[in-house]
Amino acid sequence: MASRRKGRILAFQALFCWESARTTARESGHPLPTDALERLLEFSWLGEKARTLDESIAAFARLLIAGTAENVAVIDKTIKAHLLNWDISRLNRVDLAIMRMSVYTLMFQKDLAPSIVIDEAIGISREFGTDDSFKFINGVLDGIRKTLEKESG
């Protein structure tokens, strides 16, 4: 498996955990710990595997995690604009984490081809999502890609 793919999977898993923690904090009325994101970026949740994690994979994953978290408001706004008859709060967390990471990449990492970003999202959703996740994610991301291309002229 290519190192970028491994980095994307790590980022997706961390973003999934981050959203789960945010949701739990919101529902319980307790604030999210201020160091929650930092702990995810350390990959301590991987246990022993964190020690042997290739630094280039970890660095790429950290970039995706931190960039997505930092820009989550604009990313969610973009996703919401492309959900037809669907509310973002109804998305399952797996699909949401994959889409957020991918939208971050489409919006802020212009050096990566959109087709590769979408293909990677589809691959990850086939592995971790529901049977139809990849179709849904593909449709939303392709709509976002088209909008971004129109906006950039």
Protein backbone atom coordinates (compact mmCIF):
# COMPACT_ATOMS: atom_id res chain seq x y z
CA MET A 1 0.00 0.00 0.00
CA ALA A 2 1.40 3.38 -0.97
CA SER A 3 2.49 5.65 1.84
CA ARG A 4 0.06 8.39 0.83
CA ARG A 5 -2.82 5.90 1.06
CA LYS A 6 -1.65 4.84 4.53
CA GLY A 7 -1.46 8.50 5.54
CA ARG A 8 -4.98 9.12 4.28
CA ILE A 9 -6.30 6.12 6.19
CA LEU A 10 -4.60 7.32 9.38
CA ALA A 11 -6.02 10.80 8.86
CA PHE A 12 -9.50 9.42 8.20
CA GLN A 13 -9.33 7.33 11.39
CA ALA A 14 -8.14 10.29 13.46
CA LEU A 15 -10.83 12.57 12.01
CA PHE A 16 -13.43 9.91 12.74
CA CYS A 17 -12.26 9.81 16.39
CA TRP A 18 -12.15 13.61 16.56
CA GLU A 19 -15.74 13.94 15.33
CA SER A 20 -16.89 11.21 17.73
CA ALA A 21 -15.28 13.07 20.63
CA ARG A 22 -16.80 16.39 19.49
CA THR A 23 -20.25 14.82 19.24
CA THR A 24 -19.95 13.19 22.67
CA ALA A 25 -18.81 16.48 24.18
CA ARG A 26 -21.71 18.36 22.58
CA GLU A 27 -24.28 15.80 23.70
CA SER A 28 -22.94 15.61 27.25
CA GLY A 29 -22.56 19.36 27.63
CA HIS A 30 -18.90 18.95 28.51
CA PRO A 31 -16.22 20.76 26.51
CA LEU A 32 -13.87 18.83 24.28
CA PRO A 33 -10.47 18.59 25.99
CA THR A 34 -8.21 21.31 24.65
CA ASP A 35 -5.52 18.78 23.83
CA ALA A 36 -7.81 16.34 22.00
CA LEU A 37 -6.48 17.21 18.57
CA GLU A 38 -2.85 17.18 19.73
CA ARG A 39 -3.29 13.68 21.15
CA LEU A 40 -4.65 12.49 17.82
CA LEU A 41 -1.69 14.06 16.01
CA GLU A 42 0.70 12.09 18.24
CA PHE A 43 -0.93 8.82 17.12
CA SER A 44 -0.79 7.43 20.66
CA TRP A 45 -4.16 5.82 19.90
CA LEU A 46 -2.25 3.41 17.65
CA GLY A 47 -0.54 1.89 20.66
CA GLU A 48 2.71 0.07 19.83
CA LYS A 49 2.21 0.67 16.10
CA ALA A 50 2.86 4.38 16.69
CA ARG A 51 6.51 3.63 17.44
CA THR A 52 7.12 2.03 14.07
CA LEU A 53 5.06 4.48 12.04
CA ASP A 54 7.03 5.81 9.08
CA GLU A 55 7.62 9.54 9.61
CA SER A 56 6.64 10.50 6.05
CA ILE A 57 3.30 8.74 6.49
CA ALA A 58 2.78 10.38 9.88
CA ALA A 59 3.70 13.83 8.52
CA PHE A 60 1.24 13.52 5.63
CA ALA A 61 -1.50 12.30 7.97
CA ARG A 62 -0.82 15.17 10.40
CA LEU A 63 -1.12 17.67 7.55
CA LEU A 64 -4.51 16.25 6.57
CA ILE A 65 -5.79 16.04 10.15
CA ALA A 66 -4.66 19.50 11.25
CA GLY A 67 -5.70 21.17 7.99
CA THR A 68 -9.13 19.57 8.06
CA ALA A 69 -9.71 20.43 11.73
CA GLU A 70 -8.51 24.00 11.23
CA ASN A 71 -10.82 24.53 8.24
CA VAL A 72 -13.77 22.39 9.34
CA ALA A 73 -16.28 25.26 9.23
CA VAL A 74 -15.65 26.14 5.58
CA ILE A 75 -15.34 22.44 4.69
CA ASP A 76 -18.70 21.63 6.29
CA LYS A 77 -20.29 24.63 4.57
CA THR A 78 -19.01 23.33 1.24
CA ILE A 79 -20.28 19.81 1.92
CA LYS A 80 -23.69 21.14 3.03
CA ALA A 81 -24.02 23.10 -0.21
CA HIS A 82 -23.67 19.83 -2.17
CA LEU A 83 -26.02 17.65 -0.14
CA LEU A 84 -29.31 17.50 -1.97
CA ASN A 85 -32.26 16.81 0.33
CA TRP A 86 -29.87 15.63 3.02
CA ASP A 87 -28.61 17.21 6.22
CA ILE A 88 -24.98 16.95 7.25
CA SER A 89 -26.01 15.89 10.76
CA ARG A 90 -27.54 12.74 9.25
CA LEU A 91 -24.30 11.61 7.60
CA ASN A 92 -22.62 8.67 9.22
CA ARG A 93 -19.29 9.57 10.81
CA VAL A 94 -17.25 7.38 8.46
CA ASP A 95 -18.59 9.14 5.37
CA LEU A 96 -18.25 12.55 7.02
CA ALA A 97 -14.61 11.97 8.00
CA ILE A 98 -13.72 10.78 4.49
CA MET A 99 -15.52 13.71 2.87
CA ARG A 100 -14.01 16.30 5.19
CA MET A 101 -10.49 15.08 4.56
CA SER A 102 -11.11 14.96 0.81
CA VAL A 103 -12.75 18.37 0.64
CA TYR A 104 -9.82 19.83 2.58
CA THR A 105 -7.50 18.37 -0.02
CA LEU A 106 -9.60 19.59 -2.96
CA MET A 107 -9.80 23.10 -1.51
CA PHE A 108 -6.36 23.62 -0.05
CA GLN A 109 -3.92 21.18 -1.68
CA LYS A 110 -4.11 22.34 -5.27
CA ASP A 111 -1.00 20.34 -6.21
CA LEU A 112 -2.97 17.08 -5.98
CA ALA A 113 -5.14 16.08 -8.92
CA PRO A 114 -8.84 16.08 -7.98
CA SER A 115 -9.32 12.72 -9.70
CA ILE A 116 -6.73 11.15 -7.39
CA VAL A 117 -8.33 12.72 -4.30
CA ILE A 118 -11.76 11.38 -5.29
CA ASP A 119 -10.38 7.95 -6.23
CA GLU A 120 -8.65 7.69 -2.85
CA ALA A 121 -11.85 8.71 -1.05
CA ILE A 122 -13.78 6.06 -2.96
CA GLY A 123 -11.18 3.42 -2.09
CA ILE A 124 -11.23 4.27 1.60
CA SER A 125 -15.03 4.36 1.65
CA ARG A 126 -15.20 0.93 0.00
CA GLU A 127 -12.95 -0.41 2.77
CA PHE A 128 -14.49 1.34 5.78
CA GLY A 129 -17.95 2.58 4.75
CA THR A 130 -21.27 0.99 4.00
CA ASP A 131 -22.02 -0.76 0.72
CA ASP A 132 -23.29 2.47 -0.85
CA SER A 133 -20.90 4.94 0.80
CA PHE A 134 -18.57 5.11 -2.17
CA LYS A 135 -21.39 6.11 -4.54
CA PHE A 136 -22.61 8.85 -2.23
CA ILE A 137 -19.12 10.17 -1.52
CA ASN A 138 -18.23 10.10 -5.21
CA GLY A 139 -21.31 12.14 -6.10
CA VAL A 140 -20.76 14.77 -3.43
CA LEU A 141 -17.02 15.13 -4.09
CA ASP A 142 -17.50 15.30 -7.85
CA GLY A 143 -20.03 18.11 -7.38
CA ILE A 144 -17.58 19.96 -5.15
CA ARG A 145 -14.79 19.42 -7.68
CA LYS A 146 -16.92 20.93 -10.45
CA THR A 147 -17.86 23.92 -8.31
CA LEU A 148 -14.23 24.56 -7.35
CA GLU A 149 -13.15 24.33 -10.99
CA LYS A 150 -15.81 26.88 -12.01
CA GLU A 151 -14.76 29.22 -9.21
CA SER A 152 -11.07 29.07 -10.14
CA GLY A 153 -11.91 29.80 -13.75
